Amino acid sequence: MNKKQYLILLLLFNVLCVNAQVDSTAYPYGKALNHFDYNKPVFRLDSEQLENKNRFLRFVALSGYRPDLKPIKAELGSTWNVSFDKANGTVRAYWINTSIEGILSNGMPANRVLLEVNDPEKFRYMPAYGDHEIWFRKNSRCVEMMFPNGTMNSKVLNMQLANLFNVKCFREKRSINVLVLFRTSSIDKLKSKQLGDQLKGIDGIFSNVSIDWLGENMSDANLPLFVDESGYSGPIDMDLHLTDYSNLMVLRKALQAYDLDLKEEKRITEVFVIRDNDFKGN
């Protein structure tokens, strides 16, 4: 092998990309994906690759659901984690048992994500799809990427993930249906006494917190996007006497006791769009 052939072969090794997709509901996993170590990559660099001082080797690995592994819940609600290998000069990003929507949007609330895809069931769970656990085992994914240290950034990650799932991802302002909060009188029934611990809506109780926490609980219940047009800026005390925010009629009746109400209207707001490259919709 001459020098030119050797350099070409080395370059091919250095841009290696592995796409290991496995349907966990039908096939057993290979050893590399089954024996997972949170602190180690699923593929190990061999001695010949370690001799390459340029450190251009990288991989992308994709699998289906892997039993007994916990999804990542990193700081600020992120769905991924990162680890560094200083000795080998690499950085690793990984997602574990997460919906495709969650991976691509980094766990954004569903009411801020617009799906323009041919098969929404692959991306996001809805009660109409049946048992959540069955859906989750079929549709959640694990992803792992390794890059040379210093070459990974949000743009690179987003591009790799979009390519992996054959989609485009972008932020865009759209006119969408939202739930608008408004006041029905000028009487202040919300003013907080600012006593005790802050309570943020569990069991319908709010104490000494911003009214924005109502929107957070509505978002967790998969209601449309919350827009506050009440004009109320101070901390509130409010007891809605409910444990489930998903029933809009019940929620509205509880809010009316505080001279508040919700109406569904269109507003122009920024959303995160996930679109199939071959999207057949409008």
Protein backbone atom coordinates (compact mmCIF):
# COMPACT_ATOMS: atom_id res chain seq x y z
CA MET A 1 0.00 0.00 0.00
CA ASN A 2 1.48 3.34 -1.04
CA LYS A 3 1.26 6.53 1.00
CA LYS A 4 -1.66 7.94 -1.00
CA GLN A 5 -3.74 4.77 -0.56
CA TYR A 6 -2.92 4.72 3.15
CA LEU A 7 -4.11 8.32 3.60
CA ILE A 8 -7.36 7.59 1.74
CA LEU A 9 -8.00 4.54 3.93
CA LEU A 10 -7.23 6.54 7.06
CA LEU A 11 -9.65 9.23 6.00
CA LEU A 12 -12.40 6.65 5.51
CA PHE A 13 -11.83 5.37 9.04
CA ASN A 14 -11.89 8.90 10.40
CA VAL A 15 -15.32 9.76 8.99
CA LEU A 16 -16.93 6.48 10.01
CA CYS A 17 -20.64 6.87 10.71
CA VAL A 18 -22.55 3.97 12.22
CA ASN A 19 -26.36 3.88 12.06
CA ALA A 20 -27.42 0.90 14.19
CA GLN A 21 -31.23 0.96 14.24
CA VAL A 22 -32.99 -1.81 16.14
CA ASP A 23 -36.69 -2.52 16.67
CA SER A 24 -36.69 -3.63 20.29
CA THR A 25 -40.18 -5.10 20.07
CA ALA A 26 -39.13 -7.75 17.54
CA TYR A 27 -35.39 -8.44 17.80
CA PRO A 28 -32.84 -8.94 20.57
CA TYR A 29 -30.14 -6.31 20.89
CA GLY A 30 -26.56 -6.74 19.87
CA LYS A 31 -24.00 -6.77 22.65
CA ALA A 32 -22.80 -3.22 22.07
CA LEU A 33 -26.26 -1.74 22.57
CA ASN A 34 -27.43 -4.14 25.27
CA HIS A 35 -24.48 -3.79 27.67
CA PHE A 36 -24.86 -0.05 28.10
CA ASP A 37 -22.64 1.96 30.40
CA TYR A 38 -23.79 5.55 31.04
CA ASN A 39 -20.13 6.61 31.30
CA LYS A 40 -18.79 4.86 28.20
CA PRO A 41 -19.59 5.06 24.46
CA VAL A 42 -21.37 2.13 22.80
CA PHE A 43 -18.45 1.79 20.36
CA ARG A 44 -14.87 1.62 21.60
CA LEU A 45 -11.92 3.07 19.71
CA ASP A 46 -9.45 0.36 18.71
CA SER A 47 -5.67 0.67 18.82
CA GLU A 48 -5.31 1.73 15.17
CA GLN A 49 -7.85 4.50 15.57
CA LEU A 50 -6.20 5.71 18.77
CA GLU A 51 -2.92 6.15 16.87
CA ASN A 52 -4.56 8.80 14.71
CA LYS A 53 -3.53 12.10 16.31
CA ASN A 54 -5.99 14.14 14.21
CA ARG A 55 -8.93 12.77 16.21
CA PHE A 56 -11.44 13.07 13.36
CA LEU A 57 -13.16 9.77 14.14
CA ARG A 58 -16.86 10.07 14.90
CA PHE A 59 -19.99 7.91 14.97
CA VAL A 60 -23.76 8.19 15.22
CA ALA A 61 -25.66 5.22 16.70
CA LEU A 62 -29.44 4.80 16.77
CA SER A 63 -31.46 2.08 18.46
CA GLY A 64 -35.00 1.46 19.63
CA TYR A 65 -36.19 1.11 23.22
CA ARG A 66 -33.68 -0.48 25.59
CA PRO A 67 -35.16 -2.17 28.68
CA ASP A 68 -34.09 -1.13 32.18
CA LEU A 69 -32.47 2.15 31.06
CA LYS A 70 -33.81 5.40 32.47
CA PRO A 71 -34.44 8.43 30.23
CA ILE A 72 -32.17 11.38 30.89
CA LYS A 73 -33.51 14.31 32.87
CA ALA A 74 -30.65 16.78 32.84
CA GLU A 75 -30.62 20.36 34.08
CA LEU A 76 -33.25 22.74 32.68
CA GLY A 77 -35.35 19.81 31.47
CA SER A 78 -32.94 18.75 28.74
CA THR A 79 -33.44 15.25 27.26
CA TRP A 80 -29.73 14.59 26.55
CA ASN A 81 -26.43 14.43 28.34
CA VAL A 82 -22.80 14.87 27.39
CA SER A 83 -19.52 13.37 28.59
CA PHE A 84 -15.90 14.13 27.75
CA ASP A 85 -12.97 11.75 27.24
CA LYS A 86 -9.90 13.92 27.77
CA ALA A 87 -7.48 11.06 27.23
CA ASN A 88 -8.79 10.32 23.73
CA GLY A 89 -9.85 13.86 22.87
CA THR A 90 -13.53 13.04 22.22
CA VAL A 91 -16.91 14.30 23.36
CA ARG A 92 -20.05 12.16 23.51
CA ALA A 93 -23.74 13.13 23.47
CA TYR A 94 -26.50 10.62 24.18
CA TRP A 95 -30.29 10.31 24.52
CA ILE A 96 -31.95 7.31 26.23
CA ASN A 97 -35.49 5.95 25.72
CA THR A 98 -36.94 9.24 24.51
CA SER A 99 -39.63 10.01 21.94
CA ILE A 100 -38.41 11.27 18.58
CA GLU A 101 -40.21 14.55 19.28
CA GLY A 102 -38.44 14.81 22.64
CA ILE A 103 -35.04 14.17 21.07
CA LEU A 104 -35.49 16.69 18.25
CA SER A 105 -37.09 19.44 20.35
CA ASN A 106 -35.00 18.80 23.49
CA GLY A 107 -38.12 18.15 25.53
CA MET A 108 -40.12 21.26 24.60
CA PRO A 109 -43.80 21.11 25.66
CA ALA A 110 -45.95 19.54 22.95
CA ASN A 111 -48.03 22.72 22.63
CA ARG A 112 -44.92 24.54 21.39
CA VAL A 113 -44.03 21.87 18.82
CA LEU A 114 -45.77 21.65 15.46
CA LEU A 115 -45.60 18.26 13.74
CA GLU A 116 -45.75 18.30 9.95
CA VAL A 117 -45.10 14.60 9.51
CA ASN A 118 -46.76 11.76 7.64
CA ASP A 119 -47.02 9.49 10.69
CA PRO A 120 -47.44 11.58 13.89
CA GLU A 121 -47.75 8.43 16.03
CA LYS A 122 -44.03 7.76 15.60
CA PHE A 123 -43.17 11.15 17.11
CA ARG A 124 -45.68 11.91 19.88
CA TYR A 125 -47.98 9.88 22.14
CA MET A 126 -51.70 10.67 22.18
CA PRO A 127 -54.35 8.84 24.27
CA ALA A 128 -56.03 7.72 21.04
CA TYR A 129 -52.99 5.52 20.35
CA GLY A 130 -53.85 3.22 23.27
CA ASP A 131 -51.65 2.05 26.13
CA HIS A 132 -48.79 4.47 26.75
CA GLU A 133 -46.28 1.82 27.81
CA ILE A 134 -46.85 -0.22 24.65
CA TRP A 135 -46.47 2.93 22.53
CA PHE A 136 -43.35 3.94 24.44
CA ARG A 137 -41.61 0.60 23.95
CA LYS A 138 -42.37 0.69 20.25
CA ASN A 139 -41.57 4.33 19.49
CA SER A 140 -38.94 5.62 21.92
CA ARG A 141 -35.37 5.80 20.68
CA CYS A 142 -31.80 5.86 21.96
CA VAL A 143 -29.19 7.97 20.17
CA GLU A 144 -25.49 8.33 20.77
CA MET A 145 -22.95 10.52 18.97
CA MET A 146 -19.21 10.92 19.36
CA PHE A 147 -17.14 13.77 17.95
CA PRO A 148 -13.60 15.07 18.24
CA ASN A 149 -13.39 17.41 21.22
CA GLY A 150 -14.08 21.00 20.19
CA THR A 151 -16.14 20.16 17.09
CA MET A 152 -19.55 19.57 18.69
CA ASN A 153 -22.05 22.43 19.01
CA SER A 154 -25.82 22.89 18.86
CA LYS A 155 -25.78 23.42 15.08
CA VAL A 156 -23.86 20.18 14.50
CA LEU A 157 -26.11 18.21 16.86
CA ASN A 158 -29.33 19.54 15.34
CA MET A 159 -28.11 18.78 11.82
CA GLN A 160 -27.10 15.22 12.73
CA LEU A 161 -30.41 14.54 14.50
CA ALA A 162 -32.46 15.93 11.61
CA ASN A 163 -30.53 13.77 9.15
CA LEU A 164 -30.92 10.73 11.39
CA PHE A 165 -34.72 10.98 11.41
CA ASN A 166 -35.06 12.31 7.84
CA VAL A 167 -36.71 15.58 8.91
CA LYS A 168 -36.19 19.33 8.92
CA CYS A 169 -36.35 21.21 12.23
CA PHE A 170 -36.72 24.97 12.57
CA ARG A 171 -38.35 27.74 14.56
CA GLU A 172 -41.03 29.80 12.87
CA LYS A 173 -43.79 32.23 13.79
CA ARG A 174 -47.20 30.78 13.01
CA SER A 175 -50.83 31.71 13.66
CA ILE A 176 -52.01 28.89 15.94
CA ASN A 177 -54.86 28.19 18.34
CA VAL A 178 -54.00 29.17 21.92
CA LEU A 179 -55.83 29.48 25.22
CA VAL A 180 -55.98 33.13 26.25
CA LEU A 181 -56.36 33.97 29.95
CA PHE A 182 -58.39 37.15 30.64
CA ARG A 183 -60.08 38.84 33.57
CA THR A 184 -63.86 39.19 33.69
CA SER A 185 -63.92 42.01 36.27
CA SER A 186 -61.62 44.60 37.83
CA ILE A 187 -62.05 43.06 41.29
CA ASP A 188 -58.74 41.68 42.55
CA LYS A 189 -59.38 38.17 43.92
CA LEU A 190 -55.81 37.00 43.29
CA LYS A 191 -53.55 39.19 45.41
CA SER A 192 -51.17 37.05 47.42
CA LYS A 193 -50.78 37.31 51.18
CA GLN A 194 -47.16 36.22 50.55
CA LEU A 195 -47.24 33.79 53.46
CA GLY A 196 -45.67 30.32 53.72
CA ASP A 197 -43.96 28.32 51.01
CA GLN A 198 -44.45 28.96 47.32
CA LEU A 199 -46.99 26.53 45.85
CA LYS A 200 -47.00 26.13 42.08
CA GLY A 201 -50.28 24.45 41.22
CA ILE A 202 -50.11 20.93 42.66
CA ASP A 203 -53.71 19.98 43.55
CA GLY A 204 -54.76 23.31 42.08
CA ILE A 205 -53.10 25.40 44.81
CA PHE A 206 -51.05 28.48 43.94
CA SER A 207 -49.41 30.54 46.67
CA ASN A 208 -47.12 33.54 46.29
CA VAL A 209 -46.18 32.71 42.68
CA SER A 210 -46.60 34.26 39.26
CA ILE A 211 -49.79 33.53 37.32
CA ASP A 212 -47.49 32.04 34.66
CA TRP A 213 -47.47 28.83 36.73
CA LEU A 214 -51.05 28.26 35.64
CA GLY A 215 -49.71 28.01 32.08
CA GLU A 216 -47.00 25.56 33.15
CA ASN A 217 -49.59 23.19 34.62
CA MET A 218 -51.80 23.52 31.55
CA SER A 219 -48.82 22.75 29.34
CA ASP A 220 -48.06 19.60 31.34
CA ALA A 221 -51.69 18.53 30.70
CA ASN A 222 -51.15 18.89 26.92
CA LEU A 223 -53.63 21.73 26.55
CA PRO A 224 -53.06 24.30 23.77
CA LEU A 225 -50.44 26.98 24.35
CA PHE A 226 -51.25 29.35 27.24
CA VAL A 227 -51.20 33.11 26.58
CA ASP A 228 -51.66 35.43 29.55
CA GLU A 229 -53.62 38.57 28.65
CA SER A 230 -54.93 39.13 32.18
CA GLY A 231 -52.54 42.01 32.79
CA TYR A 232 -51.94 40.70 36.31
CA SER A 233 -48.26 41.05 37.23
CA GLY A 234 -48.05 40.48 41.00
CA PRO A 235 -47.84 37.20 42.94
CA ILE A 236 -51.12 35.33 43.36
CA ASP A 237 -52.92 33.06 45.81
CA MET A 238 -55.48 30.75 44.21
CA ASP A 239 -57.02 27.37 45.04
CA LEU A 240 -58.72 25.78 42.03
CA HIS A 241 -59.63 22.56 43.91
CA LEU A 242 -58.51 20.26 41.09
CA THR A 243 -55.82 17.70 40.45
CA ASP A 244 -56.21 17.38 36.69
CA TYR A 245 -55.80 20.37 34.37
CA SER A 246 -56.67 18.50 31.18
CA ASN A 247 -60.46 19.01 31.41
CA LEU A 248 -60.89 22.51 30.00
CA MET A 249 -64.52 22.91 31.10
CA VAL A 250 -63.67 22.04 34.71
CA LEU A 251 -60.64 24.32 34.65
CA ARG A 252 -62.63 27.26 33.28
CA LYS A 253 -65.31 26.84 35.97
CA ALA A 254 -62.61 26.85 38.68
CA LEU A 255 -61.00 29.99 37.25
CA GLN A 256 -64.35 31.81 37.05
CA ALA A 257 -64.48 31.85 40.85
CA TYR A 258 -61.50 34.25 40.66
CA ASP A 259 -63.03 36.34 37.86
CA LEU A 260 -60.76 34.72 35.29
CA ASP A 261 -61.60 32.79 32.15
CA LEU A 262 -60.02 31.15 29.11
CA LYS A 263 -60.94 31.53 25.46
CA GLU A 264 -59.50 29.78 22.44
CA GLU A 265 -58.25 32.18 19.79
CA LYS A 266 -55.52 32.40 17.21
CA ARG A 267 -52.29 34.21 18.02
CA ILE A 268 -49.04 34.58 16.11
CA THR A 269 -46.35 32.91 18.16
CA GLU A 270 -43.04 31.14 17.67
CA VAL A 271 -43.21 27.35 17.46
CA PHE A 272 -40.68 24.58 16.85
CA VAL A 273 -41.55 22.81 13.59
CA ILE A 274 -40.64 19.18 12.81
CA ARG A 275 -41.30 18.40 9.16
CA ASP A 276 -40.73 15.18 7.22
CA ASN A 277 -38.48 15.69 4.23
CA ASP A 278 -41.19 14.00 2.13
CA PHE A 279 -44.14 15.58 4.01
CA LYS A 280 -47.32 15.00 2.02
CA GLY A 281 -49.51 17.52 3.86
CA ASN A 282 -50.25 21.14 3.03
